[in-house]
Amino acid sequence: MASDMWRPRSYFELPDEGVEPLTFWETFQAILLGHLGVASAKRRQEDFNRANGWHVLAVGVLYTAIVVAIMIGISVYLA
């Protein structure tokens, strides 16, 4: 009986069968839209259901590096 109970999906699991996972570029777009706060609730839910956790981790690291580089560039320019 316990195996029949619903359990939350681990974020690093692939999407269910028949659901095409997001590509790396689509994951980058989803994170950017989420950061800017312009994605609809339906889009956020779809992105979460289709996202590959490893892509999200990689895009998060890349996105953080880009933001830090931009901030350093601005501070050097203004200094």
PDB file of N, CA and C in Angstrom:
ATOM      1  N   MET A   1       0.806  -1.194   0.000  1.00  0.00           N
ATOM      2  CA  MET A   1       0.000   0.000   0.000  1.00  0.00           C
ATOM      3  C   MET A   1       0.856   1.267   0.000  1.00  0.00           C
ATOM      4  N   ALA A   2       1.940   1.274   0.739  1.00  0.00           N
ATOM      5  CA  ALA A   2       2.756   2.477   0.836  1.00  0.00           C
ATOM      6  C   ALA A   2       3.343   2.859  -0.522  1.00  0.00           C
ATOM      7  N   SER A   3       3.628   1.872  -1.366  1.00  0.00           N
ATOM      8  CA  SER A   3       4.199   2.190  -2.674  1.00  0.00           C
ATOM      9  C   SER A   3       3.171   2.837  -3.594  1.00  0.00           C
ATOM     10  N   ASP A   4       1.883   2.645  -3.320  1.00  0.00           N
ATOM     11  CA  ASP A   4       0.831   3.242  -4.133  1.00  0.00           C
ATOM     12  C   ASP A   4       0.571   4.701  -3.772  1.00  0.00           C
ATOM     13  N   MET A   5       1.110   5.139  -2.649  1.00  0.00           N
ATOM     14  CA  MET A   5       0.870   6.508  -2.208  1.00  0.00           C
ATOM     15  C   MET A   5       1.658   7.479  -3.082  1.00  0.00           C
ATOM     16  N   TRP A   6       1.107   8.663  -3.237  1.00  0.00           N
ATOM     17  CA  TRP A   6       1.776   9.710  -3.996  1.00  0.00           C
ATOM     18  C   TRP A   6       2.999  10.193  -3.247  1.00  0.00           C
ATOM     19  N   ARG A   7       4.069  10.410  -3.958  1.00  0.00           N
ATOM     20  CA  ARG A   7       5.265  10.985  -3.344  1.00  0.00           C
ATOM     21  C   ARG A   7       5.765  12.087  -4.257  1.00  0.00           C
ATOM     22  N   PRO A   8       6.305  13.133  -3.672  1.00  0.00           N
ATOM     23  CA  PRO A   8       6.818  14.212  -4.520  1.00  0.00           C
ATOM     24  C   PRO A   8       7.990  13.728  -5.358  1.00  0.00           C
ATOM     25  N   ARG A   9       8.084  14.278  -6.543  1.00  0.00           N
ATOM     26  CA  ARG A   9       9.156  13.906  -7.460  1.00  0.00           C
ATOM     27  C   ARG A   9      10.417  14.637  -7.033  1.00  0.00           C
ATOM     28  N   SER A  10      11.514  13.913  -6.958  1.00  0.00           N
ATOM     29  CA  SER A  10      12.798  14.533  -6.679  1.00  0.00           C
ATOM     30  C   SER A  10      13.134  15.458  -7.826  1.00  0.00           C
ATOM     31  N   TYR A  11      13.720  16.607  -7.526  1.00  0.00           N
ATOM     32  CA  TYR A  11      13.982  17.585  -8.561  1.00  0.00           C
ATOM     33  C   TYR A  11      14.999  17.087  -9.578  1.00  0.00           C
ATOM     34  N   PHE A  12      15.822  16.120  -9.217  1.00  0.00           N
ATOM     35  CA  PHE A  12      16.836  15.626 -10.138  1.00  0.00           C
ATOM     36  C   PHE A  12      16.373  14.400 -10.914  1.00  0.00           C
ATOM     37  N   GLU A  13      15.101  14.041 -10.780  1.00  0.00           N
ATOM     38  CA  GLU A  13      14.556  12.978 -11.604  1.00  0.00           C
ATOM     39  C   GLU A  13      14.141  13.559 -12.950  1.00  0.00           C
ATOM     40  N   LEU A  14      14.177  12.733 -13.968  1.00  0.00           N
ATOM     41  CA  LEU A  14      13.705  13.158 -15.282  1.00  0.00           C
ATOM     42  C   LEU A  14      12.187  13.232 -15.258  1.00  0.00           C
ATOM     43  N   PRO A  15      11.582  14.016 -16.165  1.00  0.00           N
ATOM     44  CA  PRO A  15      10.121  14.092 -16.221  1.00  0.00           C
ATOM     45  C   PRO A  15       9.500  12.735 -16.510  1.00  0.00           C
ATOM     46  N   ASP A  16       8.194  12.629 -16.280  1.00  0.00           N
ATOM     47  CA  ASP A  16       7.471  11.386 -16.521  1.00  0.00           C
ATOM     48  C   ASP A  16       7.580  10.970 -17.981  1.00  0.00           C
ATOM     49  N   GLU A  17       7.331   9.699 -18.225  1.00  0.00           N
ATOM     50  CA  GLU A  17       7.362   9.198 -19.595  1.00  0.00           C
ATOM     51  C   GLU A  17       6.308   9.925 -20.419  1.00  0.00           C
ATOM     52  N   GLY A  18       6.642  10.203 -21.652  1.00  0.00           N
ATOM     53  CA  GLY A  18       5.722  10.904 -22.529  1.00  0.00           C
ATOM     54  C   GLY A  18       5.801  12.412 -22.407  1.00  0.00           C
ATOM     55  N   VAL A  19       6.543  12.899 -21.422  1.00  0.00           N
ATOM     56  CA  VAL A  19       6.724  14.342 -21.236  1.00  0.00           C
ATOM     57  C   VAL A  19       8.134  14.677 -21.692  1.00  0.00           C
ATOM     58  N   GLU A  20       8.225  15.544 -22.687  1.00  0.00           N
ATOM     59  CA  GLU A  20       9.533  15.906 -23.219  1.00  0.00           C
ATOM     60  C   GLU A  20      10.207  16.903 -22.275  1.00  0.00           C
ATOM     61  N   PRO A  21      11.423  16.600 -21.803  1.00  0.00           N
ATOM     62  CA  PRO A  21      12.098  17.529 -20.891  1.00  0.00           C
ATOM     63  C   PRO A  21      12.531  18.799 -21.607  1.00  0.00           C
ATOM     64  N   LEU A  22      12.712  19.859 -20.827  1.00  0.00           N
ATOM     65  CA  LEU A  22      13.193  21.112 -21.389  1.00  0.00           C
ATOM     66  C   LEU A  22      14.622  20.956 -21.889  1.00  0.00           C
ATOM     67  N   THR A  23      14.942  21.638 -22.976  1.00  0.00           N
ATOM     68  CA  THR A  23      16.321  21.674 -23.443  1.00  0.00           C
ATOM     69  C   THR A  23      17.105  22.625 -22.543  1.00  0.00           C
ATOM     70  N   PHE A  24      18.411  22.637 -22.718  1.00  0.00           N
ATOM     71  CA  PHE A  24      19.248  23.521 -21.906  1.00  0.00           C
ATOM     72  C   PHE A  24      18.847  24.981 -22.129  1.00  0.00           C
ATOM     73  N   TRP A  25      18.615  25.378 -23.387  1.00  0.00           N
ATOM     74  CA  TRP A  25      18.234  26.752 -23.702  1.00  0.00           C
ATOM     75  C   TRP A  25      16.862  27.096 -23.112  1.00  0.00           C
ATOM     76  N   GLU A  26      15.904  26.171 -23.194  1.00  0.00           N
ATOM     77  CA  GLU A  26      14.582  26.404 -22.602  1.00  0.00           C
ATOM     78  C   GLU A  26      14.679  26.546 -21.085  1.00  0.00           C
ATOM     79  N   THR A  27      15.585  25.783 -20.474  1.00  0.00           N
ATOM     80  CA  THR A  27      15.797  25.899 -19.034  1.00  0.00           C
ATOM     81  C   THR A  27      16.372  27.265 -18.699  1.00  0.00           C
ATOM     82  N   PHE A  28      17.315  27.743 -19.508  1.00  0.00           N
ATOM     83  CA  PHE A  28      17.886  29.072 -19.300  1.00  0.00           C
ATOM     84  C   PHE A  28      16.804  30.137 -19.403  1.00  0.00           C
ATOM     85  N   GLN A  29      15.930  30.022 -20.398  1.00  0.00           N
ATOM     86  CA  GLN A  29      14.832  30.973 -20.555  1.00  0.00           C
ATOM     87  C   GLN A  29      13.891  30.928 -19.351  1.00  0.00           C
ATOM     88  N   ALA A  30      13.589  29.730 -18.862  1.00  0.00           N
ATOM     89  CA  ALA A  30      12.689  29.585 -17.714  1.00  0.00           C
ATOM     90  C   ALA A  30      13.279  30.256 -16.477  1.00  0.00           C
ATOM     91  N   ILE A  31      14.573  30.096 -16.256  1.00  0.00           N
ATOM     92  CA  ILE A  31      15.220  30.704 -15.096  1.00  0.00           C
ATOM     93  C   ILE A  31      15.258  32.222 -15.256  1.00  0.00           C
ATOM     94  N   LEU A  32      15.547  32.704 -16.454  1.00  0.00           N
ATOM     95  CA  LEU A  32      15.568  34.149 -16.682  1.00  0.00           C
ATOM     96  C   LEU A  32      14.183  34.753 -16.461  1.00  0.00           C
ATOM     97  N   LEU A  33      13.147  34.128 -17.008  1.00  0.00           N
ATOM     98  CA  LEU A  33      11.784  34.618 -16.806  1.00  0.00           C
ATOM     99  C   LEU A  33      11.396  34.581 -15.334  1.00  0.00           C
ATOM    100  N   GLY A  34      11.818  33.529 -14.636  1.00  0.00           N
ATOM    101  CA  GLY A  34      11.539  33.433 -13.213  1.00  0.00           C
ATOM    102  C   GLY A  34      12.244  34.520 -12.420  1.00  0.00           C
ATOM    103  N   HIS A  35      13.476  34.819 -12.790  1.00  0.00           N
ATOM    104  CA  HIS A  35      14.232  35.860 -12.105  1.00  0.00           C
ATOM    105  C   HIS A  35      13.593  37.233 -12.328  1.00  0.00           C
ATOM    106  N   LEU A  36      13.125  37.471 -13.530  1.00  0.00           N
ATOM    107  CA  LEU A  36      12.485  38.747 -13.839  1.00  0.00           C
ATOM    108  C   LEU A  36      11.046  38.812 -13.334  1.00  0.00           C
ATOM    109  N   GLY A  37      10.461  37.652 -13.030  1.00  0.00           N
ATOM    110  CA  GLY A  37       9.100  37.605 -12.499  1.00  0.00           C
ATOM    111  C   GLY A  37       8.026  37.839 -13.543  1.00  0.00           C
ATOM    112  N   VAL A  38       8.277  37.496 -14.787  1.00  0.00           N
ATOM    113  CA  VAL A  38       7.304  37.748 -15.851  1.00  0.00           C
ATOM    114  C   VAL A  38       6.646  36.474 -16.387  1.00  0.00           C
ATOM    115  N   ALA A  39       6.986  35.332 -15.853  1.00  0.00           N
ATOM    116  CA  ALA A  39       6.382  34.083 -16.327  1.00  0.00           C
ATOM    117  C   ALA A  39       5.005  33.902 -15.679  1.00  0.00           C
ATOM    118  N   SER A  40       4.066  33.407 -16.464  1.00  0.00           N
ATOM    119  CA  SER A  40       2.729  33.145 -15.924  1.00  0.00           C
ATOM    120  C   SER A  40       2.782  31.929 -15.006  1.00  0.00           C
ATOM    121  N   ALA A  41       1.764  31.783 -14.168  1.00  0.00           N
ATOM    122  CA  ALA A  41       1.705  30.646 -13.247  1.00  0.00           C
ATOM    123  C   ALA A  41       1.659  29.329 -14.026  1.00  0.00           C
ATOM    124  N   LYS A  42       0.931  29.319 -15.138  1.00  0.00           N
ATOM    125  CA  LYS A  42       0.843  28.109 -15.959  1.00  0.00           C
ATOM    126  C   LYS A  42       2.209  27.757 -16.531  1.00  0.00           C
ATOM    127  N   ARG A  43       2.940  28.761 -17.010  1.00  0.00           N
ATOM    128  CA  ARG A  43       4.276  28.536 -17.576  1.00  0.00           C
ATOM    129  C   ARG A  43       5.238  28.033 -16.508  1.00  0.00           C
ATOM    130  N   ARG A  44       5.193  28.631 -15.310  1.00  0.00           N
ATOM    131  CA  ARG A  44       6.075  28.190 -14.213  1.00  0.00           C
ATOM    132  C   ARG A  44       5.802  26.736 -13.852  1.00  0.00           C
ATOM    133  N   GLN A  45       4.529  26.350 -13.781  1.00  0.00           N
ATOM    134  CA  GLN A  45       4.170  24.972 -13.444  1.00  0.00           C
ATOM    135  C   GLN A  45       4.662  24.012 -14.520  1.00  0.00           C
ATOM    136  N   GLU A  46       4.481  24.387 -15.785  1.00  0.00           N
ATOM    137  CA  GLU A  46       4.944  23.530 -16.886  1.00  0.00           C
ATOM    138  C   GLU A  46       6.465  23.402 -16.867  1.00  0.00           C
ATOM    139  N   ASP A  47       7.148  24.525 -16.634  1.00  0.00           N
ATOM    140  CA  ASP A  47       8.612  24.493 -16.573  1.00  0.00           C
ATOM    141  C   ASP A  47       9.087  23.587 -15.446  1.00  0.00           C
ATOM    142  N   PHE A  48       8.452  23.682 -14.284  1.00  0.00           N
ATOM    143  CA  PHE A  48       8.841  22.858 -13.148  1.00  0.00           C
ATOM    144  C   PHE A  48       8.620  21.378 -13.448  1.00  0.00           C
ATOM    145  N   ASN A  49       7.521  21.050 -14.098  1.00  0.00           N
ATOM    146  CA  ASN A  49       7.218  19.647 -14.400  1.00  0.00           C
ATOM    147  C   ASN A  49       8.135  19.069 -15.469  1.00  0.00           C
ATOM    148  N   ARG A  50       8.643  19.906 -16.367  1.00  0.00           N
ATOM    149  CA  ARG A  50       9.465  19.412 -17.470  1.00  0.00           C
ATOM    150  C   ARG A  50      10.960  19.597 -17.257  1.00  0.00           C
ATOM    151  N   ALA A  51      11.349  20.350 -16.231  1.00  0.00           N
ATOM    152  CA  ALA A  51      12.763  20.696 -16.051  1.00  0.00           C
ATOM    153  C   ALA A  51      13.598  19.497 -15.634  1.00  0.00           C
ATOM    154  N   ASN A  52      14.815  19.468 -16.135  1.00  0.00           N
ATOM    155  CA  ASN A  52      15.807  18.494 -15.726  1.00  0.00           C
ATOM    156  C   ASN A  52      16.649  19.188 -14.651  1.00  0.00           C
ATOM    157  N   GLY A  53      16.702  18.614 -13.467  1.00  0.00           N
ATOM    158  CA  GLY A  53      17.386  19.247 -12.346  1.00  0.00           C
ATOM    159  C   GLY A  53      18.847  19.553 -12.599  1.00  0.00           C
ATOM    160  N   TRP A  54      19.522  18.714 -13.363  1.00  0.00           N
ATOM    161  CA  TRP A  54      20.940  18.957 -13.653  1.00  0.00           C
ATOM    162  C   TRP A  54      21.098  20.179 -14.550  1.00  0.00           C
ATOM    163  N   HIS A  55      20.157  20.356 -15.493  1.00  0.00           N
ATOM    164  CA  HIS A  55      20.186  21.553 -16.325  1.00  0.00           C
ATOM    165  C   HIS A  55      19.945  22.792 -15.475  1.00  0.00           C
ATOM    166  N   VAL A  56      19.009  22.705 -14.537  1.00  0.00           N
ATOM    167  CA  VAL A  56      18.714  23.846 -13.667  1.00  0.00           C
ATOM    168  C   VAL A  56      19.943  24.206 -12.839  1.00  0.00           C
ATOM    169  N   LEU A  57      20.634  23.215 -12.317  1.00  0.00           N
ATOM    170  CA  LEU A  57      21.844  23.467 -11.538  1.00  0.00           C
ATOM    171  C   LEU A  57      22.910  24.142 -12.408  1.00  0.00           C
ATOM    172  N   ALA A  58      23.137  23.616 -13.603  1.00  0.00           N
ATOM    173  CA  ALA A  58      24.152  24.181 -14.497  1.00  0.00           C
ATOM    174  C   ALA A  58      23.786  25.599 -14.927  1.00  0.00           C
ATOM    175  N   VAL A  59      22.530  25.821 -15.271  1.00  0.00           N
ATOM    176  CA  VAL A  59      22.089  27.154 -15.680  1.00  0.00           C
ATOM    177  C   VAL A  59      22.169  28.117 -14.500  1.00  0.00           C
ATOM    178  N   GLY A  60      21.836  27.663 -13.309  1.00  0.00           N
ATOM    179  CA  GLY A  60      21.933  28.521 -12.131  1.00  0.00           C
ATOM    180  C   GLY A  60      23.352  28.990 -11.877  1.00  0.00           C
ATOM    181  N   VAL A  61      24.310  28.084 -12.009  1.00  0.00           N
ATOM    182  CA  VAL A  61      25.722  28.451 -11.836  1.00  0.00           C
ATOM    183  C   VAL A  61      26.149  29.423 -12.935  1.00  0.00           C
ATOM    184  N   LEU A  62      25.784  29.134 -14.183  1.00  0.00           N
ATOM    185  CA  LEU A  62      26.126  30.006 -15.308  1.00  0.00           C
ATOM    186  C   LEU A  62      25.480  31.377 -15.144  1.00  0.00           C
ATOM    187  N   TYR A  63      24.221  31.416 -14.791  1.00  0.00           N
ATOM    188  CA  TYR A  63      23.495  32.668 -14.628  1.00  0.00           C
ATOM    189  C   TYR A  63      24.104  33.504 -13.500  1.00  0.00           C
ATOM    190  N   THR A  64      24.466  32.855 -12.398  1.00  0.00           N
ATOM    191  CA  THR A  64      25.103  33.561 -11.286  1.00  0.00           C
ATOM    192  C   THR A  64      26.434  34.157 -11.725  1.00  0.00           C
ATOM    193  N   ALA A  65      27.216  33.402 -12.478  1.00  0.00           N
ATOM    194  CA  ALA A  65      28.503  33.900 -12.966  1.00  0.00           C
ATOM    195  C   ALA A  65      28.312  35.108 -13.886  1.00  0.00           C
ATOM    196  N   ILE A  66      27.292  35.064 -14.735  1.00  0.00           N
ATOM    197  CA  ILE A  66      27.011  36.192 -15.631  1.00  0.00           C
ATOM    198  C   ILE A  66      26.624  37.428 -14.833  1.00  0.00           C
ATOM    199  N   VAL A  67      25.740  37.272 -13.857  1.00  0.00           N
ATOM    200  CA  VAL A  67      25.302  38.408 -13.042  1.00  0.00           C
ATOM    201  C   VAL A  67      26.482  38.992 -12.270  1.00  0.00           C
ATOM    202  N   VAL A  68      27.318  38.150 -11.682  1.00  0.00           N
ATOM    203  CA  VAL A  68      28.489  38.638 -10.935  1.00  0.00           C
ATOM    204  C   VAL A  68      29.450  39.361 -11.874  1.00  0.00           C
ATOM    205  N   ALA A  69      29.679  38.827 -13.065  1.00  0.00           N
ATOM    206  CA  ALA A  69      30.575  39.478 -14.029  1.00  0.00           C
ATOM    207  C   ALA A  69      30.035  40.842 -14.439  1.00  0.00           C
ATOM    208  N   ILE A  70      28.733  40.943 -14.643  1.00  0.00           N
ATOM    209  CA  ILE A  70      28.133  42.236 -14.991  1.00  0.00           C
ATOM    210  C   ILE A  70      28.299  43.225 -13.842  1.00  0.00           C
ATOM    211  N   MET A  71      28.075  42.782 -12.612  1.00  0.00           N
ATOM    212  CA  MET A  71      28.223  43.675 -11.456  1.00  0.00           C
ATOM    213  C   MET A  71      29.671  44.130 -11.285  1.00  0.00           C
ATOM    214  N   ILE A  72      30.610  43.229 -11.489  1.00  0.00           N
ATOM    215  CA  ILE A  72      32.029  43.605 -11.401  1.00  0.00           C
ATOM    216  C   ILE A  72      32.370  44.598 -12.507  1.00  0.00           C
ATOM    217  N   GLY A  73      31.864  44.342 -13.715  1.00  0.00           N
ATOM    218  CA  GLY A  73      32.106  45.254 -14.821  1.00  0.00           C
ATOM    219  C   GLY A  73      31.562  46.648 -14.551  1.00  0.00           C
ATOM    220  N   ILE A  74      30.370  46.706 -13.999  1.00  0.00           N
ATOM    221  CA  ILE A  74      29.782  48.012 -13.666  1.00  0.00           C
ATOM    222  C   ILE A  74      30.585  48.714 -12.592  1.00  0.00           C
ATOM    223  N   SER A  75      30.995  47.987 -11.565  1.00  0.00           N
ATOM    224  CA  SER A  75      31.757  48.612 -10.480  1.00  0.00           C
ATOM    225  C   SER A  75      33.121  49.102 -10.963  1.00  0.00           C
ATOM    226  N   VAL A  76      33.765  48.360 -11.860  1.00  0.00           N
ATOM    227  CA  VAL A  76      35.060  48.783 -12.413  1.00  0.00           C
ATOM    228  C   VAL A  76      34.863  50.027 -13.285  1.00  0.00           C
ATOM    229  N   TYR A  77      33.788  50.029 -14.055  1.00  0.00           N
ATOM    230  CA  TYR A  77      33.498  51.165 -14.941  1.00  0.00           C
ATOM    231  C   TYR A  77      33.237  52.432 -14.126  1.00  0.00           C
ATOM    232  N   LEU A  78      32.508  52.284 -13.023  1.00  0.00           N
ATOM    233  CA  LEU A  78      32.166  53.452 -12.200  1.00  0.00           C
ATOM    234  C   LEU A  78      33.305  53.897 -11.287  1.00  0.00           C
ATOM    235  N   ALA A  79      34.268  53.027 -11.054  1.00  0.00           N
ATOM    236  CA  ALA A  79      35.355  53.377 -10.125  1.00  0.00           C
ATOM    237  C   ALA A  79      36.392  54.293 -10.724  1.00  0.00           C
TER     238      ALA A  79
END
